[in-house]
Amino acid sequence: MKTPVYRELVAASSRPTVLSILAGGESYGYEILKQVRLLSHGKVDWSDGMLYPVLHRLGRDALIEGRWQLTEAVRRRKYYRLTGRGKRQLSSDREGWRMMIGTLETSWGGSNV
């Protein structure tokens, strides 16, 4: 049985999750979705409708850049990569999330509730 992940938590974690994935190298939408599933051991399953608005917002904020490329099947696919600004934002996000995770762990008494 999957533990429900609240919409607010998914929304709050979407930027650092995508930026973290792209820190590993250029990728495209479907691969990002697969990576989220893999990293969460199948517990988080984003949809296209959730991911693409995040990618558009990150692009609008100049945290990522996209480029179109033809695949072997002669289809266009958009690849995304981090910008310098995106790398700095990821560093800031990591710091903030680590602080929040530490705060939660302390408030829970270090137990896995």
PDB file of N, CA and C in Angstrom:
ATOM      1  N   MET A   1       0.833  -1.185   0.000  1.00  0.00           N
ATOM      2  CA  MET A   1       0.000   0.000   0.000  1.00  0.00           C
ATOM      3  C   MET A   1       0.877   1.247   0.000  1.00  0.00           C
ATOM      4  N   LYS A   2       0.572   2.173  -0.910  1.00  0.00           N
ATOM      5  CA  LYS A   2       1.331   3.415  -0.983  1.00  0.00           C
ATOM      6  C   LYS A   2       0.888   4.360   0.114  1.00  0.00           C
ATOM      7  N   THR A   3       1.857   5.033   0.721  1.00  0.00           N
ATOM      8  CA  THR A   3       1.555   6.092   1.668  1.00  0.00           C
ATOM      9  C   THR A   3       1.219   7.332   0.849  1.00  0.00           C
ATOM     10  N   PRO A   4       0.103   8.002   1.127  1.00  0.00           N
ATOM     11  CA  PRO A   4      -0.237   9.181   0.327  1.00  0.00           C
ATOM     12  C   PRO A   4       0.776  10.309   0.557  1.00  0.00           C
ATOM     13  N   VAL A   5       1.148  10.944  -0.523  1.00  0.00           N
ATOM     14  CA  VAL A   5       2.024  12.113  -0.447  1.00  0.00           C
ATOM     15  C   VAL A   5       1.143  13.316  -0.725  1.00  0.00           C
ATOM     16  N   TYR A   6       1.065  14.198   0.227  1.00  0.00           N
ATOM     17  CA  TYR A   6       0.180  15.341   0.110  1.00  0.00           C
ATOM     18  C   TYR A   6       0.600  16.270  -1.015  1.00  0.00           C
ATOM     19  N   ARG A   7      -0.409  16.782  -1.714  1.00  0.00           N
ATOM     20  CA  ARG A   7      -0.183  17.686  -2.842  1.00  0.00           C
ATOM     21  C   ARG A   7       0.757  18.830  -2.504  1.00  0.00           C
ATOM     22  N   GLU A   8       0.578  19.405  -1.315  1.00  0.00           N
ATOM     23  CA  GLU A   8       1.408  20.539  -0.915  1.00  0.00           C
ATOM     24  C   GLU A   8       2.876  20.140  -0.800  1.00  0.00           C
ATOM     25  N   LEU A   9       3.133  18.950  -0.288  1.00  0.00           N
ATOM     26  CA  LEU A   9       4.503  18.458  -0.151  1.00  0.00           C
ATOM     27  C   LEU A   9       5.113  18.181  -1.524  1.00  0.00           C
ATOM     28  N   VAL A  10       4.334  17.594  -2.413  1.00  0.00           N
ATOM     29  CA  VAL A  10       4.809  17.346  -3.778  1.00  0.00           C
ATOM     30  C   VAL A  10       5.118  18.674  -4.462  1.00  0.00           C
ATOM     31  N   ALA A  11       4.228  19.644  -4.326  1.00  0.00           N
ATOM     32  CA  ALA A  11       4.437  20.950  -4.956  1.00  0.00           C
ATOM     33  C   ALA A  11       5.687  21.631  -4.402  1.00  0.00           C
ATOM     34  N   ALA A  12       5.843  21.591  -3.089  1.00  0.00           N
ATOM     35  CA  ALA A  12       6.997  22.253  -2.467  1.00  0.00           C
ATOM     36  C   ALA A  12       8.312  21.588  -2.850  1.00  0.00           C
ATOM     37  N   SER A  13       8.285  20.290  -3.074  1.00  0.00           N
ATOM     38  CA  SER A  13       9.523  19.571  -3.357  1.00  0.00           C
ATOM     39  C   SER A  13       9.812  19.435  -4.849  1.00  0.00           C
ATOM     40  N   SER A  14       8.904  19.888  -5.697  1.00  0.00           N
ATOM     41  CA  SER A  14       9.087  19.682  -7.139  1.00  0.00           C
ATOM     42  C   SER A  14      10.307  20.415  -7.690  1.00  0.00           C
ATOM     43  N   ARG A  15      10.524  21.660  -7.292  1.00  0.00           N
ATOM     44  CA  ARG A  15      11.674  22.398  -7.817  1.00  0.00           C
ATOM     45  C   ARG A  15      12.991  21.742  -7.439  1.00  0.00           C
ATOM     46  N   PRO A  16      13.249  21.490  -6.136  1.00  0.00           N
ATOM     47  CA  PRO A  16      14.537  20.866  -5.818  1.00  0.00           C
ATOM     48  C   PRO A  16      14.673  19.460  -6.395  1.00  0.00           C
ATOM     49  N   THR A  17      13.566  18.749  -6.556  1.00  0.00           N
ATOM     50  CA  THR A  17      13.642  17.407  -7.139  1.00  0.00           C
ATOM     51  C   THR A  17      14.083  17.481  -8.593  1.00  0.00           C
ATOM     52  N   VAL A  18      13.437  18.323  -9.377  1.00  0.00           N
ATOM     53  CA  VAL A  18      13.797  18.450 -10.796  1.00  0.00           C
ATOM     54  C   VAL A  18      15.215  18.997 -10.938  1.00  0.00           C
ATOM     55  N   LEU A  19      15.553  20.013 -10.163  1.00  0.00           N
ATOM     56  CA  LEU A  19      16.902  20.571 -10.255  1.00  0.00           C
ATOM     57  C   LEU A  19      17.951  19.520  -9.882  1.00  0.00           C
ATOM     58  N   SER A  20      17.665  18.715  -8.880  1.00  0.00           N
ATOM     59  CA  SER A  20      18.598  17.656  -8.470  1.00  0.00           C
ATOM     60  C   SER A  20      18.787  16.629  -9.574  1.00  0.00           C
ATOM     61  N   ILE A  21      17.700  16.242 -10.208  1.00  0.00           N
ATOM     62  CA  ILE A  21      17.795  15.284 -11.309  1.00  0.00           C
ATOM     63  C   ILE A  21      18.618  15.865 -12.451  1.00  0.00           C
ATOM     64  N   LEU A  22      18.369  17.124 -12.790  1.00  0.00           N
ATOM     65  CA  LEU A  22      19.105  17.756 -13.884  1.00  0.00           C
ATOM     66  C   LEU A  22      20.559  18.054 -13.517  1.00  0.00           C
ATOM     67  N   ALA A  23      20.869  18.094 -12.229  1.00  0.00           N
ATOM     68  CA  ALA A  23      22.274  18.256 -11.818  1.00  0.00           C
ATOM     69  C   ALA A  23      23.088  17.045 -12.262  1.00  0.00           C
ATOM     70  N   GLY A  24      22.418  15.923 -12.482  1.00  0.00           N
ATOM     71  CA  GLY A  24      23.089  14.720 -12.966  1.00  0.00           C
ATOM     72  C   GLY A  24      23.298  14.719 -14.467  1.00  0.00           C
ATOM     73  N   GLY A  25      22.776  15.703 -15.151  1.00  0.00           N
ATOM     74  CA  GLY A  25      22.950  15.809 -16.598  1.00  0.00           C
ATOM     75  C   GLY A  25      21.640  16.116 -17.293  1.00  0.00           C
ATOM     76  N   GLU A  26      21.761  16.466 -18.537  1.00  0.00           N
ATOM     77  CA  GLU A  26      20.624  16.832 -19.370  1.00  0.00           C
ATOM     78  C   GLU A  26      19.619  15.677 -19.432  1.00  0.00           C
ATOM     79  N   SER A  27      18.329  16.018 -19.460  1.00  0.00           N
ATOM     80  CA  SER A  27      17.290  14.995 -19.521  1.00  0.00           C
ATOM     81  C   SER A  27      16.035  15.580 -20.146  1.00  0.00           C
ATOM     82  N   TYR A  28      15.090  14.714 -20.450  1.00  0.00           N
ATOM     83  CA  TYR A  28      13.814  15.139 -21.020  1.00  0.00           C
ATOM     84  C   TYR A  28      12.675  14.658 -20.122  1.00  0.00           C
ATOM     85  N   GLY A  29      11.473  15.157 -20.382  1.00  0.00           N
ATOM     86  CA  GLY A  29      10.342  14.957 -19.493  1.00  0.00           C
ATOM     87  C   GLY A  29      10.094  13.535 -19.049  1.00  0.00           C
ATOM     88  N   TYR A  30       9.955  12.600 -19.991  1.00  0.00           N
ATOM     89  CA  TYR A  30       9.635  11.225 -19.630  1.00  0.00           C
ATOM     90  C   TYR A  30      10.736  10.618 -18.752  1.00  0.00           C
ATOM     91  N   GLU A  31      11.976  10.911 -19.060  1.00  0.00           N
ATOM     92  CA  GLU A  31      13.092  10.404 -18.259  1.00  0.00           C
ATOM     93  C   GLU A  31      13.078  10.998 -16.847  1.00  0.00           C
ATOM     94  N   ILE A  32      12.689  12.253 -16.727  1.00  0.00           N
ATOM     95  CA  ILE A  32      12.579  12.882 -15.402  1.00  0.00           C
ATOM     96  C   ILE A  32      11.488  12.172 -14.597  1.00  0.00           C
ATOM     97  N   LEU A  33      10.347  11.897 -15.237  1.00  0.00           N
ATOM     98  CA  LEU A  33       9.260  11.173 -14.556  1.00  0.00           C
ATOM     99  C   LEU A  33       9.734   9.800 -14.079  1.00  0.00           C
ATOM    100  N   LYS A  34      10.455   9.081 -14.927  1.00  0.00           N
ATOM    101  CA  LYS A  34      10.979   7.766 -14.553  1.00  0.00           C
ATOM    102  C   LYS A  34      11.977   7.874 -13.404  1.00  0.00           C
ATOM    103  N   GLN A  35      12.800   8.912 -13.414  1.00  0.00           N
ATOM    104  CA  GLN A  35      13.796   9.100 -12.360  1.00  0.00           C
ATOM    105  C   GLN A  35      13.133   9.394 -11.017  1.00  0.00           C
ATOM    106  N   VAL A  36      12.075  10.180 -11.014  1.00  0.00           N
ATOM    107  CA  VAL A  36      11.331  10.466  -9.777  1.00  0.00           C
ATOM    108  C   VAL A  36      10.791   9.158  -9.203  1.00  0.00           C
ATOM    109  N   ARG A  37      10.187   8.333 -10.071  1.00  0.00           N
ATOM    110  CA  ARG A  37       9.668   7.027  -9.635  1.00  0.00           C
ATOM    111  C   ARG A  37      10.780   6.159  -9.066  1.00  0.00           C
ATOM    112  N   LEU A  38      11.911   6.118  -9.749  1.00  0.00           N
ATOM    113  CA  LEU A  38      13.050   5.308  -9.320  1.00  0.00           C
ATOM    114  C   LEU A  38      13.611   5.796  -7.984  1.00  0.00           C
ATOM    115  N   LEU A  39      13.828   7.094  -7.865  1.00  0.00           N
ATOM    116  CA  LEU A  39      14.402   7.661  -6.640  1.00  0.00           C
ATOM    117  C   LEU A  39      13.499   7.459  -5.429  1.00  0.00           C
ATOM    118  N   SER A  40      12.186   7.439  -5.667  1.00  0.00           N
ATOM    119  CA  SER A  40      11.227   7.288  -4.564  1.00  0.00           C
ATOM    120  C   SER A  40      10.833   5.820  -4.346  1.00  0.00           C
ATOM    121  N   HIS A  41      11.494   4.928  -5.059  1.00  0.00           N
ATOM    122  CA  HIS A  41      11.154   3.495  -4.974  1.00  0.00           C
ATOM    123  C   HIS A  41       9.683   3.263  -5.297  1.00  0.00           C
ATOM    124  N   GLY A  42       9.174   4.026  -6.269  1.00  0.00           N
ATOM    125  CA  GLY A  42       7.799   3.870  -6.727  1.00  0.00           C
ATOM    126  C   GLY A  42       6.745   4.541  -5.877  1.00  0.00           C
ATOM    127  N   LYS A  43       7.162   5.242  -4.829  1.00  0.00           N
ATOM    128  CA  LYS A  43       6.186   5.863  -3.926  1.00  0.00           C
ATOM    129  C   LYS A  43       5.677   7.210  -4.435  1.00  0.00           C
ATOM    130  N   VAL A  44       6.428   7.840  -5.315  1.00  0.00           N
ATOM    131  CA  VAL A  44       6.013   9.118  -5.898  1.00  0.00           C
ATOM    132  C   VAL A  44       5.906   8.904  -7.402  1.00  0.00           C
ATOM    133  N   ASP A  45       4.742   9.175  -7.942  1.00  0.00           N
ATOM    134  CA  ASP A  45       4.466   8.934  -9.352  1.00  0.00           C
ATOM    135  C   ASP A  45       3.862  10.191  -9.958  1.00  0.00           C
ATOM    136  N   TRP A  46       4.726  11.058 -10.460  1.00  0.00           N
ATOM    137  CA  TRP A  46       4.262  12.303 -11.057  1.00  0.00           C
ATOM    138  C   TRP A  46       3.627  12.019 -12.410  1.00  0.00           C
ATOM    139  N   SER A  47       2.717  12.890 -12.798  1.00  0.00           N
ATOM    140  CA  SER A  47       2.103  12.825 -14.127  1.00  0.00           C
ATOM    141  C   SER A  47       2.718  13.903 -15.011  1.00  0.00           C
ATOM    142  N   ASP A  48       2.485  13.765 -16.316  1.00  0.00           N
ATOM    143  CA  ASP A  48       2.907  14.813 -17.255  1.00  0.00           C
ATOM    144  C   ASP A  48       2.309  16.149 -16.854  1.00  0.00           C
ATOM    145  N   GLY A  49       1.034  16.111 -16.459  1.00  0.00           N
ATOM    146  CA  GLY A  49       0.322  17.329 -16.098  1.00  0.00           C
ATOM    147  C   GLY A  49       0.892  18.011 -14.873  1.00  0.00           C
ATOM    148  N   MET A  50       1.629  17.280 -14.068  1.00  0.00           N
ATOM    149  CA  MET A  50       2.285  17.875 -12.898  1.00  0.00           C
ATOM    150  C   MET A  50       3.676  18.380 -13.277  1.00  0.00           C
ATOM    151  N   LEU A  51       4.415  17.583 -14.074  1.00  0.00           N
ATOM    152  CA  LEU A  51       5.809  17.917 -14.394  1.00  0.00           C
ATOM    153  C   LEU A  51       5.949  19.119 -15.323  1.00  0.00           C
ATOM    154  N   TYR A  52       5.197  19.137 -16.412  1.00  0.00           N
ATOM    155  CA  TYR A  52       5.457  20.160 -17.426  1.00  0.00           C
ATOM    156  C   TYR A  52       5.224  21.591 -16.948  1.00  0.00           C
ATOM    157  N   PRO A  53       4.229  21.874 -16.126  1.00  0.00           N
ATOM    158  CA  PRO A  53       4.143  23.231 -15.566  1.00  0.00           C
ATOM    159  C   PRO A  53       5.370  23.584 -14.713  1.00  0.00           C
ATOM    160  N   VAL A  54       5.915  22.601 -14.001  1.00  0.00           N
ATOM    161  CA  VAL A  54       7.134  22.843 -13.209  1.00  0.00           C
ATOM    162  C   VAL A  54       8.287  23.187 -14.145  1.00  0.00           C
ATOM    163  N   LEU A  55       8.456  22.404 -15.216  1.00  0.00           N
ATOM    164  CA  LEU A  55       9.539  22.681 -16.175  1.00  0.00           C
ATOM    165  C   LEU A  55       9.377  24.063 -16.804  1.00  0.00           C
ATOM    166  N   HIS A  56       8.141  24.445 -17.143  1.00  0.00           N
ATOM    167  CA  HIS A  56       7.896  25.776 -17.729  1.00  0.00           C
ATOM    168  C   HIS A  56       8.255  26.875 -16.724  1.00  0.00           C
ATOM    169  N   ARG A  57       7.860  26.692 -15.468  1.00  0.00           N
ATOM    170  CA  ARG A  57       8.180  27.693 -14.439  1.00  0.00           C
ATOM    171  C   ARG A  57       9.694  27.793 -14.233  1.00  0.00           C
ATOM    172  N   LEU A  58      10.378  26.659 -14.184  1.00  0.00           N
ATOM    173  CA  LEU A  58      11.831  26.683 -13.992  1.00  0.00           C
ATOM    174  C   LEU A  58      12.514  27.364 -15.177  1.00  0.00           C
ATOM    175  N   GLY A  59      11.998  27.149 -16.367  1.00  0.00           N
ATOM    176  CA  GLY A  59      12.541  27.824 -17.545  1.00  0.00           C
ATOM    177  C   GLY A  59      12.278  29.316 -17.506  1.00  0.00           C
ATOM    178  N   ARG A  60      11.063  29.685 -17.130  1.00  0.00           N
ATOM    179  CA  ARG A  60      10.703  31.106 -17.025  1.00  0.00           C
ATOM    180  C   ARG A  60      11.583  31.814 -15.994  1.00  0.00           C
ATOM    181  N   ASP A  61      11.944  31.092 -14.917  1.00  0.00           N
ATOM    182  CA  ASP A  61      12.798  31.660 -13.868  1.00  0.00           C
ATOM    183  C   ASP A  61      14.287  31.546 -14.183  1.00  0.00           C
ATOM    184  N   ALA A  62      14.613  31.074 -15.383  1.00  0.00           N
ATOM    185  CA  ALA A  62      15.997  30.931 -15.870  1.00  0.00           C
ATOM    186  C   ALA A  62      16.823  29.955 -15.022  1.00  0.00           C
ATOM    187  N   LEU A  63      16.156  28.972 -14.412  1.00  0.00           N
ATOM    188  CA  LEU A  63      16.865  27.957 -13.627  1.00  0.00           C
ATOM    189  C   LEU A  63      17.256  26.765 -14.495  1.00  0.00           C
ATOM    190  N   ILE A  64      16.530  26.593 -15.602  1.00  0.00           N
ATOM    191  CA  ILE A  64      16.857  25.555 -16.576  1.00  0.00           C
ATOM    192  C   ILE A  64      16.729  26.140 -17.978  1.00  0.00           C
ATOM    193  N   GLU A  65      17.346  25.453 -18.927  1.00  0.00           N
ATOM    194  CA  GLU A  65      17.214  25.796 -20.338  1.00  0.00           C
ATOM    195  C   GLU A  65      16.798  24.539 -21.082  1.00  0.00           C
ATOM    196  N   GLY A  66      16.034  24.731 -22.128  1.00  0.00           N
ATOM    197  CA  GLY A  66      15.611  23.596 -22.941  1.00  0.00           C
ATOM    198  C   GLY A  66      16.082  23.747 -24.364  1.00  0.00           C
ATOM    199  N   ARG A  67      16.271  22.603 -25.013  1.00  0.00           N
ATOM    200  CA  ARG A  67      16.621  22.604 -26.438  1.00  0.00           C
ATOM    201  C   ARG A  67      15.914  21.431 -27.097  1.00  0.00           C
ATOM    202  N   TRP A  68      15.470  21.649 -28.317  1.00  0.00           N
ATOM    203  CA  TRP A  68      14.774  20.608 -29.064  1.00  0.00           C
ATOM    204  C   TRP A  68      15.791  19.794 -29.849  1.00  0.00           C
ATOM    205  N   GLN A  69      15.522  18.491 -29.913  1.00  0.00           N
ATOM    206  CA  GLN A  69      16.392  17.608 -30.681  1.00  0.00           C
ATOM    207  C   GLN A  69      15.532  16.522 -31.330  1.00  0.00           C
ATOM    208  N   LEU A  70      15.914  16.122 -32.532  1.00  0.00           N
ATOM    209  CA  LEU A  70      15.215  15.033 -33.195  1.00  0.00           C
ATOM    210  C   LEU A  70      15.722  13.707 -32.649  1.00  0.00           C
ATOM    211  N   THR A  71      14.801  12.777 -32.407  1.00  0.00           N
ATOM    212  CA  THR A  71      15.171  11.440 -31.945  1.00  0.00           C
ATOM    213  C   THR A  71      15.437  10.558 -33.169  1.00  0.00           C
ATOM    214  N   GLU A  72      15.881   9.331 -32.910  1.00  0.00           N
ATOM    215  CA  GLU A  72      16.103   8.382 -34.007  1.00  0.00           C
ATOM    216  C   GLU A  72      14.811   8.086 -34.759  1.00  0.00           C
ATOM    217  N   ALA A  73      13.695   8.159 -34.044  1.00  0.00           N
ATOM    218  CA  ALA A  73      12.384   7.927 -34.667  1.00  0.00           C
ATOM    219  C   ALA A  73      11.854   9.194 -35.347  1.00  0.00           C
ATOM    220  N   VAL A  74      12.717  10.182 -35.517  1.00  0.00           N
ATOM    221  CA  VAL A  74      12.401  11.461 -36.157  1.00  0.00           C
ATOM    222  C   VAL A  74      11.243  12.165 -35.456  1.00  0.00           C
ATOM    223  N   ARG A  75      11.293  12.148 -34.141  1.00  0.00           N
ATOM    224  CA  ARG A  75      10.351  12.912 -33.319  1.00  0.00           C
ATOM    225  C   ARG A  75      11.149  13.972 -32.585  1.00  0.00           C
ATOM    226  N   ARG A  76      10.490  15.084 -32.322  1.00  0.00           N
ATOM    227  CA  ARG A  76      11.161  16.149 -31.564  1.00  0.00           C
ATOM    228  C   ARG A  76      11.019  15.861 -30.077  1.00  0.00           C
ATOM    229  N   ARG A  77      12.116  16.058 -29.363  1.00  0.00           N
ATOM    230  CA  ARG A  77      12.109  15.857 -27.910  1.00  0.00           C
ATOM    231  C   ARG A  77      12.859  17.050 -27.297  1.00  0.00           C
ATOM    232  N   LYS A  78      12.306  17.585 -26.210  1.00  0.00           N
ATOM    233  CA  LYS A  78      12.938  18.727 -25.561  1.00  0.00           C
ATOM    234  C   LYS A  78      13.800  18.242 -24.394  1.00  0.00           C
ATOM    235  N   TYR A  79      15.063  18.588 -24.443  1.00  0.00           N
ATOM    236  CA  TYR A  79      16.020  18.251 -23.397  1.00  0.00           C
ATOM    237  C   TYR A  79      16.243  19.482 -22.518  1.00  0.00           C
ATOM    238  N   TYR A  80      16.338  19.238 -21.230  1.00  0.00           N
ATOM    239  CA  TYR A  80      16.516  20.319 -20.258  1.00  0.00           C
ATOM    240  C   TYR A  80      17.843  20.162 -19.548  1.00  0.00           C
ATOM    241  N   ARG A  81      18.422  21.306 -19.182  1.00  0.00           N
ATOM    242  CA  ARG A  81      19.663  21.299 -18.399  1.00  0.00           C
ATOM    243  C   ARG A  81      19.645  22.474 -17.436  1.00  0.00           C
ATOM    244  N   LEU A  82      20.444  22.325 -16.375  1.00  0.00           N
ATOM    245  CA  LEU A  82      20.551  23.413 -15.388  1.00  0.00           C
ATOM    246  C   LEU A  82      21.327  24.589 -15.959  1.00  0.00           C
ATOM    247  N   THR A  83      20.956  25.768 -15.545  1.00  0.00           N
ATOM    248  CA  THR A  83      21.752  26.965 -15.822  1.00  0.00           C
ATOM    249  C   THR A  83      22.617  27.240 -14.584  1.00  0.00           C
ATOM    250  N   GLY A  84      23.503  28.206 -14.676  1.00  0.00           N
ATOM    251  CA  GLY A  84      24.281  28.607 -13.499  1.00  0.00           C
ATOM    252  C   GLY A  84      23.367  29.060 -12.368  1.00  0.00           C
ATOM    253  N   ARG A  85      22.343  29.789 -12.719  1.00  0.00           N
ATOM    254  CA  ARG A  85      21.364  30.238 -11.722  1.00  0.00           C
ATOM    255  C   ARG A  85      20.651  29.044 -11.085  1.00  0.00           C
ATOM    256  N   GLY A  86      20.347  28.031 -11.891  1.00  0.00           N
ATOM    257  CA  GLY A  86      19.709  26.819 -11.389  1.00  0.00           C
ATOM    258  C   GLY A  86      20.599  26.064 -10.417  1.00  0.00           C
ATOM    259  N   LYS A  87      21.893  26.035 -10.694  1.00  0.00           N
ATOM    260  CA  LYS A  87      22.844  25.373  -9.781  1.00  0.00           C
ATOM    261  C   LYS A  87      22.894  26.094  -8.440  1.00  0.00           C
ATOM    262  N   ARG A  88      22.885  27.413  -8.487  1.00  0.00           N
ATOM    263  CA  ARG A  88      22.888  28.189  -7.236  1.00  0.00           C
ATOM    264  C   ARG A  88      21.583  27.979  -6.461  1.00  0.00           C
ATOM    265  N   GLN A  89      20.461  27.928  -7.182  1.00  0.00           N
ATOM    266  CA  GLN A  89      19.172  27.698  -6.532  1.00  0.00           C
ATOM    267  C   GLN A  89      19.124  26.311  -5.901  1.00  0.00           C
ATOM    268  N   LEU A  90      19.670  25.315  -6.573  1.00  0.00           N
ATOM    269  CA  LEU A  90      19.707  23.961  -6.033  1.00  0.00           C
ATOM    270  C   LEU A  90      20.513  23.921  -4.741  1.00  0.00           C
ATOM    271  N   SER A  91      21.628  24.613  -4.709  1.00  0.00           N
ATOM    272  CA  SER A  91      22.444  24.671  -3.499  1.00  0.00           C
ATOM    273  C   SER A  91      21.661  25.292  -2.345  1.00  0.00           C
ATOM    274  N   SER A  92      20.952  26.367  -2.624  1.00  0.00           N
ATOM    275  CA  SER A  92      20.124  27.031  -1.623  1.00  0.00           C
ATOM    276  C   SER A  92      18.978  26.127  -1.176  1.00  0.00           C
ATOM    277  N   ASP A  93      18.341  25.454  -2.137  1.00  0.00           N
ATOM    278  CA  ASP A  93      17.241  24.536  -1.811  1.00  0.00           C
ATOM    279  C   ASP A  93      17.732  23.393  -0.920  1.00  0.00           C
ATOM    280  N   ARG A  94      18.894  22.846  -1.231  1.00  0.00           N
ATOM    281  CA  ARG A  94      19.440  21.748  -0.418  1.00  0.00           C
ATOM    282  C   ARG A  94      19.619  22.187   1.028  1.00  0.00           C
ATOM    283  N   GLU A  95      20.174  23.362   1.190  1.00  0.00           N
ATOM    284  CA  GLU A  95      20.413  23.897   2.536  1.00  0.00           C
ATOM    285  C   GLU A  95      19.085  24.054   3.294  1.00  0.00           C
ATOM    286  N   GLY A  96      18.093  24.628   2.632  1.00  0.00           N
ATOM    287  CA  GLY A  96      16.795  24.838   3.264  1.00  0.00           C
ATOM    288  C   GLY A  96      16.095  23.526   3.604  1.00  0.00           C
ATOM    289  N   TRP A  97      16.109  22.566   2.684  1.00  0.00           N
ATOM    290  CA  TRP A  97      15.469  21.278   2.940  1.00  0.00           C
ATOM    291  C   TRP A  97      16.177  20.511   4.042  1.00  0.00           C
ATOM    292  N   ARG A  98      17.500  20.548   4.070  1.00  0.00           N
ATOM    293  CA  ARG A  98      18.230  19.860   5.141  1.00  0.00           C
ATOM    294  C   ARG A  98      17.866  20.448   6.501  1.00  0.00           C
ATOM    295  N   MET A  99      17.720  21.757   6.566  1.00  0.00           N
ATOM    296  CA  MET A  99      17.329  22.405   7.813  1.00  0.00           C
ATOM    297  C   MET A  99      15.933  21.962   8.223  1.00  0.00           C
ATOM    298  N   MET A 100      14.996  21.918   7.256  1.00  0.00           N
ATOM    299  CA  MET A 100      13.627  21.506   7.561  1.00  0.00           C
ATOM    300  C   MET A 100      13.555  20.033   7.966  1.00  0.00           C
ATOM    301  N   ILE A 101      14.294  19.191   7.270  1.00  0.00           N
ATOM    302  CA  ILE A 101      14.316  17.762   7.613  1.00  0.00           C
ATOM    303  C   ILE A 101      14.879  17.574   9.018  1.00  0.00           C
ATOM    304  N   GLY A 102      15.943  18.302   9.339  1.00  0.00           N
ATOM    305  CA  GLY A 102      16.515  18.233  10.686  1.00  0.00           C
ATOM    306  C   GLY A 102      15.527  18.695  11.742  1.00  0.00           C
ATOM    307  N   THR A 103      14.800  19.746  11.443  1.00  0.00           N
ATOM    308  CA  THR A 103      13.790  20.258  12.375  1.00  0.00           C
ATOM    309  C   THR A 103      12.698  19.222  12.607  1.00  0.00           C
ATOM    310  N   LEU A 104      12.220  18.618  11.539  1.00  0.00           N
ATOM    311  CA  LEU A 104      11.186  17.589  11.668  1.00  0.00           C
ATOM    312  C   LEU A 104      11.696  16.383  12.441  1.00  0.00           C
ATOM    313  N   GLU A 105      12.892  15.920  12.136  1.00  0.00           N
ATOM    314  CA  GLU A 105      13.472  14.770  12.833  1.00  0.00           C
ATOM    315  C   GLU A 105      13.581  15.063  14.338  1.00  0.00           C
ATOM    316  N   THR A 106      14.011  16.270  14.647  1.00  0.00           N
ATOM    317  CA  THR A 106      14.126  16.647  16.067  1.00  0.00           C
ATOM    318  C   THR A 106      12.758  16.692  16.730  1.00  0.00           C
ATOM    319  N   SER A 107      11.787  17.257  16.041  1.00  0.00           N
ATOM    320  CA  SER A 107      10.436  17.364  16.621  1.00  0.00           C
ATOM    321  C   SER A 107       9.789  15.990  16.786  1.00  0.00           C
ATOM    322  N   TRP A 108      10.170  15.039  15.961  1.00  0.00           N
ATOM    323  CA  TRP A 108       9.650  13.673  16.069  1.00  0.00           C
ATOM    324  C   TRP A 108      10.464  12.824  17.044  1.00  0.00           C
ATOM    325  N   GLY A 109      11.457  13.418  17.660  1.00  0.00           N
ATOM    326  CA  GLY A 109      12.289  12.675  18.607  1.00  0.00           C
ATOM    327  C   GLY A 109      13.222  11.694  17.919  1.00  0.00           C
ATOM    328  N   GLY A 110      13.506  11.956  16.633  1.00  0.00           N
ATOM    329  CA  GLY A 110      14.404  11.089  15.894  1.00  0.00           C
ATOM    330  C   GLY A 110      13.807   9.749  15.542  1.00  0.00           C
ATOM    331  N   SER A 111      12.524   9.549  15.820  1.00  0.00           N
ATOM    332  CA  SER A 111      11.905   8.261  15.523  1.00  0.00           C
ATOM    333  C   SER A 111      11.305   8.278  14.118  1.00  0.00           C
ATOM    334  N   ASN A 112      11.137   7.119  13.587  1.00  0.00           N
ATOM    335  CA  ASN A 112      10.453   6.978  12.294  1.00  0.00           C
ATOM    336  C   ASN A 112       8.980   6.719  12.559  1.00  0.00           C
ATOM    337  N   VAL A 113       8.236   7.775  12.776  1.00  0.00           N
ATOM    338  CA  VAL A 113       6.817   7.672  13.120  1.00  0.00           C
ATOM    339  C   VAL A 113       6.038   7.109  11.957  1.00  0.00           C
TER     340      VAL A 113
END
